[in-house]
PDB file of N, CA and C in Angstrom:
ATOM      1  N   MET A   1      13.703 -35.366  -2.134  1.00  0.00           N
ATOM      2  CA  MET A   1      14.337 -34.075  -2.076  1.00  0.00           C
ATOM      3  C   MET A   1      13.278 -33.001  -2.266  1.00  0.00           C
ATOM      4  N   GLY A   2      13.347 -31.873  -1.528  1.00  0.00           N
ATOM      5  CA  GLY A   2      12.360 -30.794  -1.567  1.00  0.00           C
ATOM      6  C   GLY A   2      12.534 -29.910  -2.782  1.00  0.00           C
ATOM      7  N   SER A   3      11.610 -29.003  -2.950  1.00  0.00           N
ATOM      8  CA  SER A   3      11.675 -28.073  -4.072  1.00  0.00           C
ATOM      9  C   SER A   3      12.693 -26.977  -3.792  1.00  0.00           C
ATOM     10  N   VAL A   4      12.935 -26.158  -4.787  1.00  0.00           N
ATOM     11  CA  VAL A   4      13.938 -25.096  -4.677  1.00  0.00           C
ATOM     12  C   VAL A   4      13.603 -24.120  -3.561  1.00  0.00           C
ATOM     13  N   ASP A   5      12.310 -23.783  -3.386  1.00  0.00           N
ATOM     14  CA  ASP A   5      11.931 -22.820  -2.358  1.00  0.00           C
ATOM     15  C   ASP A   5      11.732 -23.465  -0.987  1.00  0.00           C
ATOM     16  N   GLY A   6      11.971 -24.755  -0.863  1.00  0.00           N
ATOM     17  CA  GLY A   6      11.903 -25.437   0.423  1.00  0.00           C
ATOM     18  C   GLY A   6      10.511 -25.844   0.844  1.00  0.00           C
ATOM     19  N   THR A   7       9.523 -25.775  -0.055  1.00  0.00           N
ATOM     20  CA  THR A   7       8.150 -26.118   0.324  1.00  0.00           C
ATOM     21  C   THR A   7       7.796 -27.549  -0.021  1.00  0.00           C
ATOM     22  N   GLY A   8       8.701 -28.305  -0.626  1.00  0.00           N
ATOM     23  CA  GLY A   8       8.400 -29.665  -1.049  1.00  0.00           C
ATOM     24  C   GLY A   8       8.064 -30.601   0.093  1.00  0.00           C
ATOM     25  N   ALA A   9       8.597 -30.364   1.277  1.00  0.00           N
ATOM     26  CA  ALA A   9       8.353 -31.244   2.410  1.00  0.00           C
ATOM     27  C   ALA A   9       7.092 -30.867   3.175  1.00  0.00           C
ATOM     28  N   LEU A  10       6.448 -29.798   2.800  1.00  0.00           N
ATOM     29  CA  LEU A  10       5.250 -29.334   3.500  1.00  0.00           C
ATOM     30  C   LEU A  10       4.012 -30.057   2.983  1.00  0.00           C
ATOM     31  N   PRO A  11       2.998 -30.167   3.822  1.00  0.00           N
ATOM     32  CA  PRO A  11       1.737 -30.768   3.357  1.00  0.00           C
ATOM     33  C   PRO A  11       1.123 -29.928   2.231  1.00  0.00           C
ATOM     34  N   VAL A  12       0.306 -30.572   1.415  1.00  0.00           N
ATOM     35  CA  VAL A  12      -0.305 -29.915   0.267  1.00  0.00           C
ATOM     36  C   VAL A  12      -1.119 -28.697   0.691  1.00  0.00           C
ATOM     37  N   TRP A  13      -1.903 -28.812   1.740  1.00  0.00           N
ATOM     38  CA  TRP A  13      -2.736 -27.693   2.168  1.00  0.00           C
ATOM     39  C   TRP A  13      -1.900 -26.498   2.570  1.00  0.00           C
ATOM     40  N   TRP A  14      -0.730 -26.744   3.196  1.00  0.00           N
ATOM     41  CA  TRP A  14       0.137 -25.645   3.615  1.00  0.00           C
ATOM     42  C   TRP A  14       0.776 -24.980   2.398  1.00  0.00           C
ATOM     43  N   ARG A  15       1.150 -25.779   1.393  1.00  0.00           N
ATOM     44  CA  ARG A  15       1.702 -25.210   0.161  1.00  0.00           C
ATOM     45  C   ARG A  15       0.667 -24.340  -0.542  1.00  0.00           C
ATOM     46  N   GLN A  16      -0.602 -24.767  -0.493  1.00  0.00           N
ATOM     47  CA  GLN A  16      -1.660 -23.964  -1.093  1.00  0.00           C
ATOM     48  C   GLN A  16      -1.831 -22.634  -0.358  1.00  0.00           C
ATOM     49  N   VAL A  17      -1.727 -22.677   0.968  1.00  0.00           N
ATOM     50  CA  VAL A  17      -1.813 -21.443   1.766  1.00  0.00           C
ATOM     51  C   VAL A  17      -0.664 -20.508   1.396  1.00  0.00           C
ATOM     52  N   LEU A  18       0.553 -21.032   1.330  1.00  0.00           N
ATOM     53  CA  LEU A  18       1.708 -20.208   0.974  1.00  0.00           C
ATOM     54  C   LEU A  18       1.591 -19.660  -0.440  1.00  0.00           C
ATOM     55  N   SER A  19       1.124 -20.469  -1.361  1.00  0.00           N
ATOM     56  CA  SER A  19       0.934 -20.026  -2.737  1.00  0.00           C
ATOM     57  C   SER A  19      -0.093 -18.904  -2.808  1.00  0.00           C
ATOM     58  N   SER A  20      -1.175 -19.058  -2.085  1.00  0.00           N
ATOM     59  CA  SER A  20      -2.209 -18.030  -2.037  1.00  0.00           C
ATOM     60  C   SER A  20      -1.668 -16.739  -1.439  1.00  0.00           C
ATOM     61  N   GLN A  21      -0.899 -16.868  -0.389  1.00  0.00           N
ATOM     62  CA  GLN A  21      -0.319 -15.692   0.259  1.00  0.00           C
ATOM     63  C   GLN A  21       0.629 -14.971  -0.685  1.00  0.00           C
ATOM     64  N   ARG A  22       1.476 -15.697  -1.391  1.00  0.00           N
ATOM     65  CA  ARG A  22       2.396 -15.081  -2.354  1.00  0.00           C
ATOM     66  C   ARG A  22       1.641 -14.379  -3.477  1.00  0.00           C
ATOM     67  N   ARG A  23       0.576 -14.999  -3.947  1.00  0.00           N
ATOM     68  CA  ARG A  23      -0.234 -14.399  -5.006  1.00  0.00           C
ATOM     69  C   ARG A  23      -0.835 -13.068  -4.537  1.00  0.00           C
ATOM     70  N   GLU A  24      -1.338 -13.048  -3.318  1.00  0.00           N
ATOM     71  CA  GLU A  24      -1.931 -11.817  -2.790  1.00  0.00           C
ATOM     72  C   GLU A  24      -0.879 -10.744  -2.562  1.00  0.00           C
ATOM     73  N   VAL A  25       0.303 -11.132  -2.119  1.00  0.00           N
ATOM     74  CA  VAL A  25       1.387 -10.162  -1.946  1.00  0.00           C
ATOM     75  C   VAL A  25       1.732  -9.519  -3.283  1.00  0.00           C
ATOM     76  N   ARG A  26       1.827 -10.337  -4.326  1.00  0.00           N
ATOM     77  CA  ARG A  26       2.118  -9.787  -5.660  1.00  0.00           C
ATOM     78  C   ARG A  26       1.012  -8.847  -6.116  1.00  0.00           C
ATOM     79  N   ARG A  27      -0.234  -9.203  -5.837  1.00  0.00           N
ATOM     80  CA  ARG A  27      -1.356  -8.358  -6.238  1.00  0.00           C
ATOM     81  C   ARG A  27      -1.341  -7.025  -5.500  1.00  0.00           C
ATOM     82  N   VAL A  28      -1.128  -7.064  -4.186  1.00  0.00           N
ATOM     83  CA  VAL A  28      -1.098  -5.833  -3.393  1.00  0.00           C
ATOM     84  C   VAL A  28       0.061  -4.953  -3.829  1.00  0.00           C
ATOM     85  N   LEU A  29       1.228  -5.535  -4.023  1.00  0.00           N
ATOM     86  CA  LEU A  29       2.372  -4.741  -4.468  1.00  0.00           C
ATOM     87  C   LEU A  29       2.120  -4.128  -5.836  1.00  0.00           C
ATOM     88  N   GLY A  30       1.510  -4.888  -6.725  1.00  0.00           N
ATOM     89  CA  GLY A  30       1.174  -4.354  -8.046  1.00  0.00           C
ATOM     90  C   GLY A  30       0.228  -3.170  -7.955  1.00  0.00           C
ATOM     91  N   GLU A  31      -0.767  -3.267  -7.081  1.00  0.00           N
ATOM     92  CA  GLU A  31      -1.714  -2.162  -6.899  1.00  0.00           C
ATOM     93  C   GLU A  31      -1.022  -0.950  -6.285  1.00  0.00           C
ATOM     94  N   LEU A  32      -0.156  -1.180  -5.308  1.00  0.00           N
ATOM     95  CA  LEU A  32       0.555  -0.067  -4.688  1.00  0.00           C
ATOM     96  C   LEU A  32       1.479   0.625  -5.681  1.00  0.00           C
ATOM     97  N   ILE A  33       2.142  -0.148  -6.512  1.00  0.00           N
ATOM     98  CA  ILE A  33       3.022   0.438  -7.529  1.00  0.00           C
ATOM     99  C   ILE A  33       2.209   1.241  -8.526  1.00  0.00           C
ATOM    100  N   ALA A  34       1.001   0.759  -8.851  1.00  0.00           N
ATOM    101  CA  ALA A  34       0.149   1.462  -9.803  1.00  0.00           C
ATOM    102  C   ALA A  34      -0.342   2.794  -9.249  1.00  0.00           C
ATOM    103  N   THR A  35      -0.363   2.967  -7.935  1.00  0.00           N
ATOM    104  CA  THR A  35      -0.839   4.214  -7.341  1.00  0.00           C
ATOM    105  C   THR A  35       0.307   5.152  -6.965  1.00  0.00           C
ATOM    106  N   ARG A  36       1.471   4.940  -7.501  1.00  0.00           N
ATOM    107  CA  ARG A  36       2.620   5.781  -7.162  1.00  0.00           C
ATOM    108  C   ARG A  36       2.408   7.247  -7.490  1.00  0.00           C
ATOM    109  N   GLY A  37       1.699   7.559  -8.555  1.00  0.00           N
ATOM    110  CA  GLY A  37       1.541   8.938  -8.984  1.00  0.00           C
ATOM    111  C   GLY A  37       0.458   9.712  -8.269  1.00  0.00           C
ATOM    112  N   VAL A  38      -0.142   9.142  -7.238  1.00  0.00           N
ATOM    113  CA  VAL A  38      -1.254   9.813  -6.582  1.00  0.00           C
ATOM    114  C   VAL A  38      -0.796  11.007  -5.728  1.00  0.00           C
ATOM    115  N   MET A  39       0.348  10.941  -5.105  1.00  0.00           N
ATOM    116  CA  MET A  39       0.779  12.041  -4.239  1.00  0.00           C
ATOM    117  C   MET A  39       1.011  13.341  -5.006  1.00  0.00           C
ATOM    118  N   PRO A  40       1.768  13.335  -6.102  1.00  0.00           N
ATOM    119  CA  PRO A  40       1.909  14.601  -6.840  1.00  0.00           C
ATOM    120  C   PRO A  40       0.564  15.133  -7.319  1.00  0.00           C
ATOM    121  N   LEU A  41      -0.326  14.238  -7.681  1.00  0.00           N
ATOM    122  CA  LEU A  41      -1.649  14.645  -8.132  1.00  0.00           C
ATOM    123  C   LEU A  41      -2.441  15.274  -6.989  1.00  0.00           C
ATOM    124  N   LEU A  42      -2.388  14.685  -5.810  1.00  0.00           N
ATOM    125  CA  LEU A  42      -3.078  15.249  -4.659  1.00  0.00           C
ATOM    126  C   LEU A  42      -2.474  16.581  -4.231  1.00  0.00           C
ATOM    127  N   MET A  43      -1.176  16.702  -4.320  1.00  0.00           N
ATOM    128  CA  MET A  43      -0.495  17.922  -3.887  1.00  0.00           C
ATOM    129  C   MET A  43      -0.712  19.085  -4.854  1.00  0.00           C
ATOM    130  N   LYS A  44      -1.165  18.802  -6.029  1.00  0.00           N
ATOM    131  CA  LYS A  44      -1.382  19.842  -7.028  1.00  0.00           C
ATOM    132  C   LYS A  44      -2.346  20.907  -6.510  1.00  0.00           C
ATOM    133  N   VAL A  45      -3.452  20.494  -5.916  1.00  0.00           N
ATOM    134  CA  VAL A  45      -4.428  21.437  -5.380  1.00  0.00           C
ATOM    135  C   VAL A  45      -3.847  22.185  -4.185  1.00  0.00           C
ATOM    136  N   ARG A  46      -3.102  21.489  -3.352  1.00  0.00           N
ATOM    137  CA  ARG A  46      -2.479  22.142  -2.193  1.00  0.00           C
ATOM    138  C   ARG A  46      -1.513  23.228  -2.635  1.00  0.00           C
ATOM    139  N   ASN A  47      -0.894  23.038  -3.774  1.00  0.00           N
ATOM    140  CA  ASN A  47       0.062  24.017  -4.289  1.00  0.00           C
ATOM    141  C   ASN A  47      -0.597  25.113  -5.119  1.00  0.00           C
ATOM    142  N   GLY A  48      -1.913  25.191  -5.081  1.00  0.00           N
ATOM    143  CA  GLY A  48      -2.625  26.282  -5.737  1.00  0.00           C
ATOM    144  C   GLY A  48      -3.036  26.020  -7.172  1.00  0.00           C
ATOM    145  N   GLU A  49      -2.812  24.832  -7.683  1.00  0.00           N
ATOM    146  CA  GLU A  49      -3.212  24.510  -9.046  1.00  0.00           C
ATOM    147  C   GLU A  49      -4.568  23.809  -9.021  1.00  0.00           C
ATOM    148  N   HIS A  50      -5.124  23.545 -10.194  1.00  0.00           N
ATOM    149  CA  HIS A  50      -6.415  22.867 -10.297  1.00  0.00           C
ATOM    150  C   HIS A  50      -6.258  21.582 -11.093  1.00  0.00           C
ATOM    151  N   TRP A  51      -7.145  20.627 -10.806  1.00  0.00           N
ATOM    152  CA  TRP A  51      -7.140  19.365 -11.536  1.00  0.00           C
ATOM    153  C   TRP A  51      -7.901  19.521 -12.852  1.00  0.00           C
ATOM    154  N   SER A  52      -7.351  18.957 -13.893  1.00  0.00           N
ATOM    155  CA  SER A  52      -8.066  18.901 -15.170  1.00  0.00           C
ATOM    156  C   SER A  52      -9.063  17.745 -15.088  1.00  0.00           C
ATOM    157  N   PRO A  53     -10.028  17.675 -16.012  1.00  0.00           N
ATOM    158  CA  PRO A  53     -10.959  16.524 -15.993  1.00  0.00           C
ATOM    159  C   PRO A  53     -10.233  15.180 -16.097  1.00  0.00           C
ATOM    160  N   ALA A  54      -9.171  15.120 -16.884  1.00  0.00           N
ATOM    161  CA  ALA A  54      -8.408  13.867 -16.999  1.00  0.00           C
ATOM    162  C   ALA A  54      -7.727  13.524 -15.674  1.00  0.00           C
ATOM    163  N   GLU A  55      -7.226  14.543 -14.977  1.00  0.00           N
ATOM    164  CA  GLU A  55      -6.579  14.295 -13.684  1.00  0.00           C
ATOM    165  C   GLU A  55      -7.604  13.863 -12.641  1.00  0.00           C
ATOM    166  N   ARG A  56      -8.795  14.411 -12.696  1.00  0.00           N
ATOM    167  CA  ARG A  56      -9.854  13.987 -11.775  1.00  0.00           C
ATOM    168  C   ARG A  56     -10.192  12.511 -11.998  1.00  0.00           C
ATOM    169  N   GLU A  57     -10.253  12.121 -13.260  1.00  0.00           N
ATOM    170  CA  GLU A  57     -10.531  10.717 -13.590  1.00  0.00           C
ATOM    171  C   GLU A  57      -9.408   9.806 -13.082  1.00  0.00           C
ATOM    172  N   GLU A  58      -8.166  10.258 -13.258  1.00  0.00           N
ATOM    173  CA  GLU A  58      -7.014   9.487 -12.772  1.00  0.00           C
ATOM    174  C   GLU A  58      -7.051   9.374 -11.252  1.00  0.00           C
ATOM    175  N   LEU A  59      -7.414  10.460 -10.587  1.00  0.00           N
ATOM    176  CA  LEU A  59      -7.511  10.445  -9.131  1.00  0.00           C
ATOM    177  C   LEU A  59      -8.574   9.463  -8.667  1.00  0.00           C
ATOM    178  N   LEU A  60      -9.718   9.448  -9.328  1.00  0.00           N
ATOM    179  CA  LEU A  60     -10.765   8.487  -8.993  1.00  0.00           C
ATOM    180  C   LEU A  60     -10.288   7.052  -9.183  1.00  0.00           C
ATOM    181  N   LEU A  61      -9.533   6.813 -10.243  1.00  0.00           N
ATOM    182  CA  LEU A  61      -8.985   5.479 -10.486  1.00  0.00           C
ATOM    183  C   LEU A  61      -8.052   5.064  -9.346  1.00  0.00           C
ATOM    184  N   HIS A  62      -7.184   5.986  -8.920  1.00  0.00           N
ATOM    185  CA  HIS A  62      -6.278   5.699  -7.803  1.00  0.00           C
ATOM    186  C   HIS A  62      -7.063   5.417  -6.525  1.00  0.00           C
ATOM    187  N   LEU A  63      -8.082   6.210  -6.266  1.00  0.00           N
ATOM    188  CA  LEU A  63      -8.868   6.014  -5.047  1.00  0.00           C
ATOM    189  C   LEU A  63      -9.604   4.675  -5.068  1.00  0.00           C
ATOM    190  N   ARG A  64     -10.076   4.283  -6.229  1.00  0.00           N
ATOM    191  CA  ARG A  64     -10.733   2.968  -6.333  1.00  0.00           C
ATOM    192  C   ARG A  64      -9.736   1.845  -6.077  1.00  0.00           C
ATOM    193  N   ARG A  65      -8.530   1.988  -6.617  1.00  0.00           N
ATOM    194  CA  ARG A  65      -7.492   0.969  -6.358  1.00  0.00           C
ATOM    195  C   ARG A  65      -7.213   0.858  -4.869  1.00  0.00           C
ATOM    196  N   MET A  66      -7.081   2.011  -4.219  1.00  0.00           N
ATOM    197  CA  MET A  66      -6.781   1.986  -2.790  1.00  0.00           C
ATOM    198  C   MET A  66      -7.947   1.420  -1.990  1.00  0.00           C
ATOM    199  N   ALA A  67      -9.169   1.660  -2.429  1.00  0.00           N
ATOM    200  CA  ALA A  67     -10.327   1.111  -1.729  1.00  0.00           C
ATOM    201  C   ALA A  67     -10.324  -0.413  -1.784  1.00  0.00           C
ATOM    202  N   HIS A  68      -9.852  -0.957  -2.890  1.00  0.00           N
ATOM    203  CA  HIS A  68      -9.770  -2.420  -2.992  1.00  0.00           C
ATOM    204  C   HIS A  68      -8.682  -2.981  -2.088  1.00  0.00           C
ATOM    205  N   LEU A  69      -7.712  -2.154  -1.742  1.00  0.00           N
ATOM    206  CA  LEU A  69      -6.645  -2.599  -0.844  1.00  0.00           C
ATOM    207  C   LEU A  69      -7.013  -2.423   0.621  1.00  0.00           C
ATOM    208  N   SER A  70      -8.084  -1.697   0.901  1.00  0.00           N
ATOM    209  CA  SER A  70      -8.408  -1.373   2.288  1.00  0.00           C
ATOM    210  C   SER A  70      -8.527  -2.593   3.203  1.00  0.00           C
ATOM    211  N   PRO A  71      -9.033  -3.744   2.745  1.00  0.00           N
ATOM    212  CA  PRO A  71      -9.046  -4.883   3.678  1.00  0.00           C
ATOM    213  C   PRO A  71      -7.648  -5.254   4.180  1.00  0.00           C
ATOM    214  N   TYR A  72      -6.640  -5.050   3.348  1.00  0.00           N
ATOM    215  CA  TYR A  72      -5.279  -5.352   3.776  1.00  0.00           C
ATOM    216  C   TYR A  72      -4.761  -4.282   4.729  1.00  0.00           C
ATOM    217  N   LEU A  73      -5.224  -3.069   4.540  1.00  0.00           N
ATOM    218  CA  LEU A  73      -4.758  -1.972   5.382  1.00  0.00           C
ATOM    219  C   LEU A  73      -5.456  -1.928   6.732  1.00  0.00           C
ATOM    220  N   VAL A  74      -6.522  -2.717   6.886  1.00  0.00           N
ATOM    221  CA  VAL A  74      -7.221  -2.792   8.164  1.00  0.00           C
ATOM    222  C   VAL A  74      -6.258  -3.266   9.255  1.00  0.00           C
ATOM    223  N   ALA A  75      -5.278  -4.035   8.871  1.00  0.00           N
ATOM    224  CA  ALA A  75      -4.300  -4.532   9.849  1.00  0.00           C
ATOM    225  C   ALA A  75      -3.622  -3.389  10.585  1.00  0.00           C
ATOM    226  N   LEU A  76      -3.584  -2.219   9.969  1.00  0.00           N
ATOM    227  CA  LEU A  76      -2.956  -1.083  10.635  1.00  0.00           C
ATOM    228  C   LEU A  76      -3.788  -0.556  11.798  1.00  0.00           C
ATOM    229  N   VAL A  77      -5.086  -0.824  11.805  1.00  0.00           N
ATOM    230  CA  VAL A  77      -5.927  -0.331  12.883  1.00  0.00           C
ATOM    231  C   VAL A  77      -6.288  -1.414  13.887  1.00  0.00           C
ATOM    232  N   LEU A  78      -5.794  -2.607  13.682  1.00  0.00           N
ATOM    233  CA  LEU A  78      -6.055  -3.695  14.624  1.00  0.00           C
ATOM    234  C   LEU A  78      -5.180  -3.545  15.867  1.00  0.00           C
ATOM    235  N   PRO A  79      -5.567  -4.184  16.961  1.00  0.00           N
ATOM    236  CA  PRO A  79      -4.725  -4.128  18.161  1.00  0.00           C
ATOM    237  C   PRO A  79      -3.307  -4.588  17.852  1.00  0.00           C
ATOM    238  N   GLY A  80      -2.365  -3.883  18.407  1.00  0.00           N
ATOM    239  CA  GLY A  80      -0.966  -4.192  18.155  1.00  0.00           C
ATOM    240  C   GLY A  80      -0.348  -3.229  17.167  1.00  0.00           C
ATOM    241  N   SER A  81      -1.169  -2.616  16.340  1.00  0.00           N
ATOM    242  CA  SER A  81      -0.607  -1.666  15.385  1.00  0.00           C
ATOM    243  C   SER A  81      -0.239  -0.356  16.063  1.00  0.00           C
ATOM    244  N   VAL A  82      -0.674  -0.187  17.299  1.00  0.00           N
ATOM    245  CA  VAL A  82      -0.321   1.003  18.068  1.00  0.00           C
ATOM    246  C   VAL A  82       1.197   1.096  18.217  1.00  0.00           C
ATOM    247  N   ILE A  83       1.846  -0.037  18.150  1.00  0.00           N
ATOM    248  CA  ILE A  83       3.306  -0.066  18.245  1.00  0.00           C
ATOM    249  C   ILE A  83       3.934   0.769  17.131  1.00  0.00           C
ATOM    250  N   LEU A  84       3.260   0.851  15.983  1.00  0.00           N
ATOM    251  CA  LEU A  84       3.787   1.600  14.846  1.00  0.00           C
ATOM    252  C   LEU A  84       3.541   3.103  14.936  1.00  0.00           C
ATOM    253  N   LEU A  85       2.687   3.549  15.840  1.00  0.00           N
ATOM    254  CA  LEU A  85       2.363   4.972  15.910  1.00  0.00           C
ATOM    255  C   LEU A  85       3.579   5.877  16.117  1.00  0.00           C
ATOM    256  N   PRO A  86       4.526   5.548  16.994  1.00  0.00           N
ATOM    257  CA  PRO A  86       5.704   6.421  17.115  1.00  0.00           C
ATOM    258  C   PRO A  86       6.490   6.523  15.803  1.00  0.00           C
ATOM    259  N   ALA A  87       6.560   5.442  15.053  1.00  0.00           N
ATOM    260  CA  ALA A  87       7.264   5.490  13.767  1.00  0.00           C
ATOM    261  C   ALA A  87       6.513   6.382  12.790  1.00  0.00           C
ATOM    262  N   TYR A  88       5.177   6.301  12.766  1.00  0.00           N
ATOM    263  CA  TYR A  88       4.389   7.176  11.898  1.00  0.00           C
ATOM    264  C   TYR A  88       4.585   8.634  12.293  1.00  0.00           C
ATOM    265  N   ALA A  89       4.534   8.926  13.578  1.00  0.00           N
ATOM    266  CA  ALA A  89       4.702  10.302  14.047  1.00  0.00           C
ATOM    267  C   ALA A  89       6.079  10.838  13.663  1.00  0.00           C
ATOM    268  N   TRP A  90       7.104  10.022  13.826  1.00  0.00           N
ATOM    269  CA  TRP A  90       8.453  10.452  13.461  1.00  0.00           C
ATOM    270  C   TRP A  90       8.536  10.750  11.970  1.00  0.00           C
ATOM    271  N   TRP A  91       7.967   9.863  11.144  1.00  0.00           N
ATOM    272  CA  TRP A  91       8.032  10.037   9.703  1.00  0.00           C
ATOM    273  C   TRP A  91       7.287  11.305   9.274  1.00  0.00           C
ATOM    274  N   LEU A  92       6.115  11.510   9.821  1.00  0.00           N
ATOM    275  CA  LEU A  92       5.352  12.704   9.473  1.00  0.00           C
ATOM    276  C   LEU A  92       6.063  13.969   9.917  1.00  0.00           C
ATOM    277  N   ASP A  93       6.639  13.965  11.082  1.00  0.00           N
ATOM    278  CA  ASP A  93       7.361  15.124  11.578  1.00  0.00           C
ATOM    279  C   ASP A  93       8.587  15.411  10.719  1.00  0.00           C
ATOM    280  N   ARG A  94       9.275  14.365  10.299  1.00  0.00           N
ATOM    281  CA  ARG A  94      10.455  14.519   9.459  1.00  0.00           C
ATOM    282  C   ARG A  94      10.079  15.194   8.140  1.00  0.00           C
ATOM    283  N   ARG A  95       8.941  14.822   7.563  1.00  0.00           N
ATOM    284  CA  ARG A  95       8.490  15.435   6.312  1.00  0.00           C
ATOM    285  C   ARG A  95       8.124  16.896   6.533  1.00  0.00           C
ATOM    286  N   ARG A  96       7.493  17.211   7.660  1.00  0.00           N
ATOM    287  CA  ARG A  96       7.100  18.587   7.964  1.00  0.00           C
ATOM    288  C   ARG A  96       8.338  19.458   8.093  1.00  0.00           C
ATOM    289  N   LEU A  97       9.353  18.930   8.766  1.00  0.00           N
ATOM    290  CA  LEU A  97      10.575  19.716   8.956  1.00  0.00           C
ATOM    291  C   LEU A  97      11.292  19.955   7.639  1.00  0.00           C
ATOM    292  N   ARG A  98      11.244  18.996   6.742  1.00  0.00           N
ATOM    293  CA  ARG A  98      11.897  19.151   5.452  1.00  0.00           C
ATOM    294  C   ARG A  98      11.196  20.216   4.611  1.00  0.00           C
ATOM    295  N   ARG A  99       9.852  20.330   4.739  1.00  0.00           N
ATOM    296  CA  ARG A  99       9.084  21.334   4.002  1.00  0.00           C
ATOM    297  C   ARG A  99       9.195  22.696   4.620  1.00  0.00           C
ATOM    298  N   ARG A 100       9.557  22.742   5.903  1.00  0.00           N
ATOM    299  CA  ARG A 100       9.678  23.982   6.687  1.00  0.00           C
ATOM    300  C   ARG A 100       8.360  24.741   6.766  1.00  0.00           C
ATOM    301  N   ASP A 101       7.244  23.980   6.966  1.00  0.00           N
ATOM    302  CA  ASP A 101       5.914  24.589   7.159  1.00  0.00           C
ATOM    303  C   ASP A 101       5.698  24.909   8.612  1.00  0.00           C
TER     304      ASP A 101
END
């Protein structure tokens, strides 16, 4: 009988691949969740305010986290990701219209 997640019937090497993939997904999601506060921080300067030294340090920390994720984000610039461009354009336009800029 197989395991609860259905991987018991798979070869050992395939289970290791799936385990590795799940581990990386958890890591990437954890990093993305940790960078949630970056947008309000970035928008602060756009809204005419200034960053404090502590906020600059926090911003650098967020940027370093995102730099470590960049290998995963390369998939967005690979062939085939062009399919997503209309969705990106729609999303960006929707945000612009909501701000009424």
